[in-house]
Amino acid sequence: MKKTAALLTVLSALLLSGCQTTEELAQQDDAICQGYGLQKGSPDYVQCRQFQQADRTARYQAEQQSYAIWSAANALSRIGQKNN
């Protein structure tokens, strides 16, 4: 039951993260960086936007790794159950 809930949580997060368009993500990043008081086009603003993209990519990759690990553990668990 806990594994099913965890899988649903991961899948929901992946599906929801895929719902935003590139334009929406850019607007979100823009709002974050301007919220820090950075002026559009300034070197600090550009660096902030790059950080936002890198952070999003890192979070996506971590989610993918977590799902892959969970899937492998689940498969090994099924194999172990068949052998008992």
PDB file of N, CA and C in Angstrom:
ATOM      1  N   MET A   1       0.817  -1.191   0.000  1.00  0.00           N
ATOM      2  CA  MET A   1       0.000   0.000   0.000  1.00  0.00           C
ATOM      3  C   MET A   1       0.868   1.267   0.000  1.00  0.00           C
ATOM      4  N   LYS A   2       1.930   1.276   0.837  1.00  0.00           N
ATOM      5  CA  LYS A   2       2.808   2.434   0.884  1.00  0.00           C
ATOM      6  C   LYS A   2       3.534   2.631  -0.442  1.00  0.00           C
ATOM      7  N   LYS A   3       3.918   1.515  -1.077  1.00  0.00           N
ATOM      8  CA  LYS A   3       4.612   1.609  -2.364  1.00  0.00           C
ATOM      9  C   LYS A   3       3.694   2.193  -3.428  1.00  0.00           C
ATOM     10  N   THR A   4       2.426   1.804  -3.391  1.00  0.00           N
ATOM     11  CA  THR A   4       1.468   2.324  -4.364  1.00  0.00           C
ATOM     12  C   THR A   4       1.284   3.822  -4.170  1.00  0.00           C
ATOM     13  N   ALA A   5       1.190   4.252  -2.925  1.00  0.00           N
ATOM     14  CA  ALA A   5       1.029   5.682  -2.643  1.00  0.00           C
ATOM     15  C   ALA A   5       2.256   6.459  -3.099  1.00  0.00           C
ATOM     16  N   ALA A   6       3.443   5.896  -2.863  1.00  0.00           N
ATOM     17  CA  ALA A   6       4.672   6.561  -3.288  1.00  0.00           C
ATOM     18  C   ALA A   6       4.738   6.668  -4.807  1.00  0.00           C
ATOM     19  N   LEU A   7       4.360   5.604  -5.484  1.00  0.00           N
ATOM     20  CA  LEU A   7       4.365   5.619  -6.941  1.00  0.00           C
ATOM     21  C   LEU A   7       3.388   6.659  -7.474  1.00  0.00           C
ATOM     22  N   LEU A   8       2.211   6.719  -6.910  1.00  0.00           N
ATOM     23  CA  LEU A   8       1.219   7.705  -7.342  1.00  0.00           C
ATOM     24  C   LEU A   8       1.715   9.128  -7.113  1.00  0.00           C
ATOM     25  N   THR A   9       2.406   9.346  -6.010  1.00  0.00           N
ATOM     26  CA  THR A   9       2.957  10.672  -5.726  1.00  0.00           C
ATOM     27  C   THR A   9       3.997  11.053  -6.768  1.00  0.00           C
ATOM     28  N   VAL A  10       4.898  10.132  -7.078  1.00  0.00           N
ATOM     29  CA  VAL A  10       5.939  10.409  -8.068  1.00  0.00           C
ATOM     30  C   VAL A  10       5.322  10.644  -9.442  1.00  0.00           C
ATOM     31  N   LEU A  11       4.406   9.791  -9.830  1.00  0.00           N
ATOM     32  CA  LEU A  11       3.772   9.946 -11.145  1.00  0.00           C
ATOM     33  C   LEU A  11       2.989  11.252 -11.236  1.00  0.00           C
ATOM     34  N   SER A  12       2.301  11.618 -10.177  1.00  0.00           N
ATOM     35  CA  SER A  12       1.550  12.879 -10.166  1.00  0.00           C
ATOM     36  C   SER A  12       2.486  14.060 -10.338  1.00  0.00           C
ATOM     37  N   ALA A  13       3.597  14.030  -9.618  1.00  0.00           N
ATOM     38  CA  ALA A  13       4.562  15.126  -9.725  1.00  0.00           C
ATOM     39  C   ALA A  13       5.111  15.231 -11.144  1.00  0.00           C
ATOM     40  N   LEU A  14       5.412  14.097 -11.746  1.00  0.00           N
ATOM     41  CA  LEU A  14       5.932  14.110 -13.115  1.00  0.00           C
ATOM     42  C   LEU A  14       4.896  14.633 -14.096  1.00  0.00           C
ATOM     43  N   LEU A  15       3.668  14.202 -13.932  1.00  0.00           N
ATOM     44  CA  LEU A  15       2.615  14.651 -14.833  1.00  0.00           C
ATOM     45  C   LEU A  15       2.339  16.141 -14.677  1.00  0.00           C
ATOM     46  N   LEU A  16       2.291  16.597 -13.439  1.00  0.00           N
ATOM     47  CA  LEU A  16       2.015  18.009 -13.206  1.00  0.00           C
ATOM     48  C   LEU A  16       3.154  18.892 -13.682  1.00  0.00           C
ATOM     49  N   SER A  17       4.388  18.436 -13.518  1.00  0.00           N
ATOM     50  CA  SER A  17       5.521  19.245 -13.970  1.00  0.00           C
ATOM     51  C   SER A  17       5.535  19.347 -15.488  1.00  0.00           C
ATOM     52  N   GLY A  18       4.960  18.381 -16.172  1.00  0.00           N
ATOM     53  CA  GLY A  18       4.916  18.406 -17.621  1.00  0.00           C
ATOM     54  C   GLY A  18       3.799  19.259 -18.190  1.00  0.00           C
ATOM     55  N   CYS A  19       2.961  19.808 -17.328  1.00  0.00           N
ATOM     56  CA  CYS A  19       1.816  20.584 -17.785  1.00  0.00           C
ATOM     57  C   CYS A  19       2.170  22.033 -18.105  1.00  0.00           C
ATOM     58  N   GLN A  20       3.295  22.521 -17.618  1.00  0.00           N
ATOM     59  CA  GLN A  20       3.668  23.902 -17.861  1.00  0.00           C
ATOM     60  C   GLN A  20       4.365  24.026 -19.211  1.00  0.00           C
ATOM     61  N   THR A  21       3.986  25.067 -19.938  1.00  0.00           N
ATOM     62  CA  THR A  21       4.639  25.322 -21.216  1.00  0.00           C
ATOM     63  C   THR A  21       5.967  26.027 -20.979  1.00  0.00           C
ATOM     64  N   THR A  22       6.782  26.069 -22.002  1.00  0.00           N
ATOM     65  CA  THR A  22       8.061  26.766 -21.920  1.00  0.00           C
ATOM     66  C   THR A  22       7.845  28.225 -21.582  1.00  0.00           C
ATOM     67  N   GLU A  23       6.818  28.823 -22.160  1.00  0.00           N
ATOM     68  CA  GLU A  23       6.497  30.231 -21.889  1.00  0.00           C
ATOM     69  C   GLU A  23       6.106  30.431 -20.427  1.00  0.00           C
ATOM     70  N   GLU A  24       5.321  29.516 -19.881  1.00  0.00           N
ATOM     71  CA  GLU A  24       4.920  29.624 -18.475  1.00  0.00           C
ATOM     72  C   GLU A  24       6.122  29.489 -17.548  1.00  0.00           C
ATOM     73  N   LEU A  25       7.019  28.575 -17.883  1.00  0.00           N
ATOM     74  CA  LEU A  25       8.229  28.413 -17.077  1.00  0.00           C
ATOM     75  C   LEU A  25       9.090  29.670 -17.145  1.00  0.00           C
ATOM     76  N   ALA A  26       9.205  30.259 -18.321  1.00  0.00           N
ATOM     77  CA  ALA A  26       9.984  31.492 -18.482  1.00  0.00           C
ATOM     78  C   ALA A  26       9.366  32.623 -17.673  1.00  0.00           C
ATOM     79  N   GLN A  27       8.044  32.726 -17.684  1.00  0.00           N
ATOM     80  CA  GLN A  27       7.366  33.760 -16.901  1.00  0.00           C
ATOM     81  C   GLN A  27       7.582  33.544 -15.410  1.00  0.00           C
ATOM     82  N   GLN A  28       7.536  32.297 -14.998  1.00  0.00           N
ATOM     83  CA  GLN A  28       7.758  31.959 -13.589  1.00  0.00           C
ATOM     84  C   GLN A  28       9.195  32.325 -13.179  1.00  0.00           C
ATOM     85  N   ASP A  29      10.165  31.960 -14.008  1.00  0.00           N
ATOM     86  CA  ASP A  29      11.562  32.293 -13.724  1.00  0.00           C
ATOM     87  C   ASP A  29      11.752  33.811 -13.702  1.00  0.00           C
ATOM     88  N   ASP A  30      11.129  34.487 -14.641  1.00  0.00           N
ATOM     89  CA  ASP A  30      11.220  35.940 -14.715  1.00  0.00           C
ATOM     90  C   ASP A  30      10.684  36.575 -13.431  1.00  0.00           C
ATOM     91  N   ALA A  31       9.547  36.091 -12.968  1.00  0.00           N
ATOM     92  CA  ALA A  31       8.942  36.631 -11.746  1.00  0.00           C
ATOM     93  C   ALA A  31       9.848  36.394 -10.530  1.00  0.00           C
ATOM     94  N   ILE A  32      10.466  35.218 -10.474  1.00  0.00           N
ATOM     95  CA  ILE A  32      11.370  34.919  -9.360  1.00  0.00           C
ATOM     96  C   ILE A  32      12.554  35.878  -9.363  1.00  0.00           C
ATOM     97  N   CYS A  33      13.186  36.013 -10.513  1.00  0.00           N
ATOM     98  CA  CYS A  33      14.379  36.860 -10.599  1.00  0.00           C
ATOM     99  C   CYS A  33      14.054  38.335 -10.388  1.00  0.00           C
ATOM    100  N   GLN A  34      12.958  38.798 -10.946  1.00  0.00           N
ATOM    101  CA  GLN A  34      12.566  40.187 -10.720  1.00  0.00           C
ATOM    102  C   GLN A  34      12.141  40.397  -9.271  1.00  0.00           C
ATOM    103  N   GLY A  35      11.608  39.345  -8.654  1.00  0.00           N
ATOM    104  CA  GLY A  35      11.239  39.420  -7.244  1.00  0.00           C
ATOM    105  C   GLY A  35      12.447  39.645  -6.349  1.00  0.00           C
ATOM    106  N   TYR A  36      13.616  39.240  -6.826  1.00  0.00           N
ATOM    107  CA  TYR A  36      14.858  39.497  -6.099  1.00  0.00           C
ATOM    108  C   TYR A  36      15.351  40.929  -6.333  1.00  0.00           C
ATOM    109  N   GLY A  37      14.623  41.675  -7.160  1.00  0.00           N
ATOM    110  CA  GLY A  37      15.012  43.055  -7.449  1.00  0.00           C
ATOM    111  C   GLY A  37      15.999  43.172  -8.598  1.00  0.00           C
ATOM    112  N   LEU A  38      16.163  42.098  -9.357  1.00  0.00           N
ATOM    113  CA  LEU A  38      17.114  42.121 -10.467  1.00  0.00           C
ATOM    114  C   LEU A  38      16.465  42.738 -11.702  1.00  0.00           C
ATOM    115  N   GLN A  39      17.241  43.536 -12.405  1.00  0.00           N
ATOM    116  CA  GLN A  39      16.753  44.193 -13.616  1.00  0.00           C
ATOM    117  C   GLN A  39      16.920  43.269 -14.810  1.00  0.00           C
ATOM    118  N   LYS A  40      15.842  43.152 -15.597  1.00  0.00           N
ATOM    119  CA  LYS A  40      15.875  42.311 -16.792  1.00  0.00           C
ATOM    120  C   LYS A  40      17.051  42.702 -17.673  1.00  0.00           C
ATOM    121  N   GLY A  41      17.821  41.692 -18.085  1.00  0.00           N
ATOM    122  CA  GLY A  41      18.951  41.914 -18.970  1.00  0.00           C
ATOM    123  C   GLY A  41      20.273  42.146 -18.257  1.00  0.00           C
ATOM    124  N   SER A  42      20.238  42.401 -16.953  1.00  0.00           N
ATOM    125  CA  SER A  42      21.489  42.614 -16.223  1.00  0.00           C
ATOM    126  C   SER A  42      22.220  41.282 -16.068  1.00  0.00           C
ATOM    127  N   PRO A  43      23.538  41.332 -15.854  1.00  0.00           N
ATOM    128  CA  PRO A  43      24.290  40.076 -15.670  1.00  0.00           C
ATOM    129  C   PRO A  43      23.739  39.227 -14.516  1.00  0.00           C
ATOM    130  N   ASP A  44      23.355  39.873 -13.427  1.00  0.00           N
ATOM    131  CA  ASP A  44      22.798  39.115 -12.297  1.00  0.00           C
ATOM    132  C   ASP A  44      21.462  38.479 -12.651  1.00  0.00           C
ATOM    133  N   TYR A  45      20.660  39.173 -13.438  1.00  0.00           N
ATOM    134  CA  TYR A  45      19.376  38.630 -13.884  1.00  0.00           C
ATOM    135  C   TYR A  45      19.603  37.403 -14.773  1.00  0.00           C
ATOM    136  N   VAL A  46      20.537  37.516 -15.700  1.00  0.00           N
ATOM    137  CA  VAL A  46      20.853  36.405 -16.602  1.00  0.00           C
ATOM    138  C   VAL A  46      21.334  35.202 -15.793  1.00  0.00           C
ATOM    139  N   GLN A  47      22.189  35.457 -14.813  1.00  0.00           N
ATOM    140  CA  GLN A  47      22.688  34.380 -13.963  1.00  0.00           C
ATOM    141  C   GLN A  47      21.542  33.753 -13.171  1.00  0.00           C
ATOM    142  N   CYS A  48      20.618  34.562 -12.680  1.00  0.00           N
ATOM    143  CA  CYS A  48      19.466  34.050 -11.945  1.00  0.00           C
ATOM    144  C   CYS A  48      18.612  33.152 -12.836  1.00  0.00           C
ATOM    145  N   ARG A  49      18.365  33.594 -14.064  1.00  0.00           N
ATOM    146  CA  ARG A  49      17.563  32.785 -14.993  1.00  0.00           C
ATOM    147  C   ARG A  49      18.255  31.466 -15.305  1.00  0.00           C
ATOM    148  N   GLN A  50      19.565  31.496 -15.464  1.00  0.00           N
ATOM    149  CA  GLN A  50      20.317  30.269 -15.716  1.00  0.00           C
ATOM    150  C   GLN A  50      20.226  29.332 -14.518  1.00  0.00           C
ATOM    151  N   PHE A  51      20.292  29.895 -13.317  1.00  0.00           N
ATOM    152  CA  PHE A  51      20.182  29.080 -12.118  1.00  0.00           C
ATOM    153  C   PHE A  51      18.804  28.431 -12.033  1.00  0.00           C
ATOM    154  N   GLN A  52      17.759  29.174 -12.362  1.00  0.00           N
ATOM    155  CA  GLN A  52      16.400  28.630 -12.306  1.00  0.00           C
ATOM    156  C   GLN A  52      16.266  27.424 -13.234  1.00  0.00           C
ATOM    157  N   GLN A  53      16.815  27.541 -14.438  1.00  0.00           N
ATOM    158  CA  GLN A  53      16.761  26.433 -15.398  1.00  0.00           C
ATOM    159  C   GLN A  53      17.566  25.240 -14.903  1.00  0.00           C
ATOM    160  N   ALA A  54      18.777  25.503 -14.392  1.00  0.00           N
ATOM    161  CA  ALA A  54      19.625  24.416 -13.899  1.00  0.00           C
ATOM    162  C   ALA A  54      18.967  23.720 -12.710  1.00  0.00           C
ATOM    163  N   ASP A  55      18.325  24.500 -11.843  1.00  0.00           N
ATOM    164  CA  ASP A  55      17.647  23.928 -10.677  1.00  0.00           C
ATOM    165  C   ASP A  55      16.482  23.046 -11.113  1.00  0.00           C
ATOM    166  N   ARG A  56      15.703  23.501 -12.081  1.00  0.00           N
ATOM    167  CA  ARG A  56      14.571  22.717 -12.582  1.00  0.00           C
ATOM    168  C   ARG A  56      15.066  21.409 -13.201  1.00  0.00           C
ATOM    169  N   THR A  57      16.151  21.491 -13.965  1.00  0.00           N
ATOM    170  CA  THR A  57      16.728  20.302 -14.591  1.00  0.00           C
ATOM    171  C   THR A  57      17.222  19.319 -13.533  1.00  0.00           C
ATOM    172  N   ALA A  58      17.892  19.824 -12.503  1.00  0.00           N
ATOM    173  CA  ALA A  58      18.402  18.957 -11.435  1.00  0.00           C
ATOM    174  C   ALA A  58      17.261  18.283 -10.682  1.00  0.00           C
ATOM    175  N   ARG A  59      16.183  19.023 -10.413  1.00  0.00           N
ATOM    176  CA  ARG A  59      15.040  18.431  -9.721  1.00  0.00           C
ATOM    177  C   ARG A  59      14.383  17.354 -10.580  1.00  0.00           C
ATOM    178  N   TYR A  60      14.273  17.590 -11.871  1.00  0.00           N
ATOM    179  CA  TYR A  60      13.689  16.600 -12.773  1.00  0.00           C
ATOM    180  C   TYR A  60      14.545  15.331 -12.807  1.00  0.00           C
ATOM    181  N   GLN A  61      15.858  15.512 -12.900  1.00  0.00           N
ATOM    182  CA  GLN A  61      16.752  14.355 -12.940  1.00  0.00           C
ATOM    183  C   GLN A  61      16.697  13.572 -11.630  1.00  0.00           C
ATOM    184  N   ALA A  62      16.590  14.274 -10.502  1.00  0.00           N
ATOM    185  CA  ALA A  62      16.482  13.595  -9.207  1.00  0.00           C
ATOM    186  C   ALA A  62      15.187  12.794  -9.129  1.00  0.00           C
ATOM    187  N   GLU A  63      14.111  13.346  -9.653  1.00  0.00           N
ATOM    188  CA  GLU A  63      12.839  12.619  -9.684  1.00  0.00           C
ATOM    189  C   GLU A  63      12.948  11.370 -10.542  1.00  0.00           C
ATOM    190  N   GLN A  64      13.606  11.493 -11.678  1.00  0.00           N
ATOM    191  CA  GLN A  64      13.790  10.353 -12.576  1.00  0.00           C
ATOM    192  C   GLN A  64      14.629   9.269 -11.914  1.00  0.00           C
ATOM    193  N   GLN A  65      15.696   9.666 -11.229  1.00  0.00           N
ATOM    194  CA  GLN A  65      16.543   8.695 -10.525  1.00  0.00           C
ATOM    195  C   GLN A  65      15.756   7.999  -9.424  1.00  0.00           C
ATOM    196  N   SER A  66      14.994   8.773  -8.693  1.00  0.00           N
ATOM    197  CA  SER A  66      14.205   8.210  -7.602  1.00  0.00           C
ATOM    198  C   SER A  66      13.212   7.185  -8.141  1.00  0.00           C
ATOM    199  N   TYR A  67      12.564   7.512  -9.246  1.00  0.00           N
ATOM    200  CA  TYR A  67      11.609   6.590  -9.849  1.00  0.00           C
ATOM    201  C   TYR A  67      12.317   5.325 -10.342  1.00  0.00           C
ATOM    202  N   ALA A  68      13.489   5.494 -10.941  1.00  0.00           N
ATOM    203  CA  ALA A  68      14.238   4.329 -11.445  1.00  0.00           C
ATOM    204  C   ALA A  68      14.658   3.422 -10.295  1.00  0.00           C
ATOM    205  N   ILE A  69      15.105   4.009  -9.207  1.00  0.00           N
ATOM    206  CA  ILE A  69      15.503   3.217  -8.035  1.00  0.00           C
ATOM    207  C   ILE A  69      14.297   2.497  -7.462  1.00  0.00           C
ATOM    208  N   TRP A  70      13.186   3.207  -7.348  1.00  0.00           N
ATOM    209  CA  TRP A  70      11.965   2.594  -6.812  1.00  0.00           C
ATOM    210  C   TRP A  70      11.525   1.435  -7.705  1.00  0.00           C
ATOM    211  N   SER A  71      11.578   1.629  -9.008  1.00  0.00           N
ATOM    212  CA  SER A  71      11.170   0.579  -9.945  1.00  0.00           C
ATOM    213  C   SER A  71      12.061  -0.650  -9.823  1.00  0.00           C
ATOM    214  N   ALA A  72      13.367  -0.424  -9.701  1.00  0.00           N
ATOM    215  CA  ALA A  72      14.301  -1.544  -9.568  1.00  0.00           C
ATOM    216  C   ALA A  72      14.060  -2.292  -8.255  1.00  0.00           C
ATOM    217  N   ALA A  73      13.854  -1.545  -7.175  1.00  0.00           N
ATOM    218  CA  ALA A  73      13.597  -2.179  -5.876  1.00  0.00           C
ATOM    219  C   ALA A  73      12.298  -2.965  -5.916  1.00  0.00           C
ATOM    220  N   ASN A  74      11.312  -2.425  -6.572  1.00  0.00           N
ATOM    221  CA  ASN A  74      10.017  -3.105  -6.694  1.00  0.00           C
ATOM    222  C   ASN A  74      10.161  -4.392  -7.503  1.00  0.00           C
ATOM    223  N   ALA A  75      10.924  -4.324  -8.584  1.00  0.00           N
ATOM    224  CA  ALA A  75      11.142  -5.522  -9.407  1.00  0.00           C
ATOM    225  C   ALA A  75      11.893  -6.594  -8.617  1.00  0.00           C
ATOM    226  N   LEU A  76      12.907  -6.196  -7.874  1.00  0.00           N
ATOM    227  CA  LEU A  76      13.662  -7.153  -7.053  1.00  0.00           C
ATOM    228  C   LEU A  76      12.776  -7.761  -5.974  1.00  0.00           C
ATOM    229  N   SER A  77      11.888  -6.961  -5.426  1.00  0.00           N
ATOM    230  CA  SER A  77      10.968  -7.451  -4.405  1.00  0.00           C
ATOM    231  C   SER A  77      10.039  -8.500  -4.988  1.00  0.00           C
ATOM    232  N   ARG A  78       9.568  -8.265  -6.196  1.00  0.00           N
ATOM    233  CA  ARG A  78       8.682  -9.235  -6.862  1.00  0.00           C
ATOM    234  C   ARG A  78       9.419 -10.542  -7.141  1.00  0.00           C
ATOM    235  N   ILE A  79      10.679 -10.440  -7.554  1.00  0.00           N
ATOM    236  CA  ILE A  79      11.471 -11.635  -7.814  1.00  0.00           C
ATOM    237  C   ILE A  79      11.638 -12.431  -6.515  1.00  0.00           C
ATOM    238  N   GLY A  80      11.936 -11.713  -5.434  1.00  0.00           N
ATOM    239  CA  GLY A  80      12.104 -12.360  -4.138  1.00  0.00           C
ATOM    240  C   GLY A  80      10.836 -13.040  -3.666  1.00  0.00           C
ATOM    241  N   GLN A  81       9.693 -12.433  -3.947  1.00  0.00           N
ATOM    242  CA  GLN A  81       8.416 -13.024  -3.534  1.00  0.00           C
ATOM    243  C   GLN A  81       8.120 -14.286  -4.345  1.00  0.00           C
ATOM    244  N   LYS A  82       8.498 -14.312  -5.601  1.00  0.00           N
ATOM    245  CA  LYS A  82       8.260 -15.479  -6.454  1.00  0.00           C
ATOM    246  C   LYS A  82       9.122 -16.660  -6.005  1.00  0.00           C
ATOM    247  N   ASN A  83      10.311 -16.361  -5.488  1.00  0.00           N
ATOM    248  CA  ASN A  83      11.239 -17.417  -5.062  1.00  0.00           C
ATOM    249  C   ASN A  83      10.869 -18.007  -3.709  1.00  0.00           C
ATOM    250  N   ASN A  84       9.985 -17.370  -2.982  1.00  0.00           N
ATOM    251  CA  ASN A  84       9.587 -17.889  -1.658  1.00  0.00           C
ATOM    252  C   ASN A  84       8.419 -18.772  -1.727  1.00  0.00           C
TER     253      ASN A  84
END
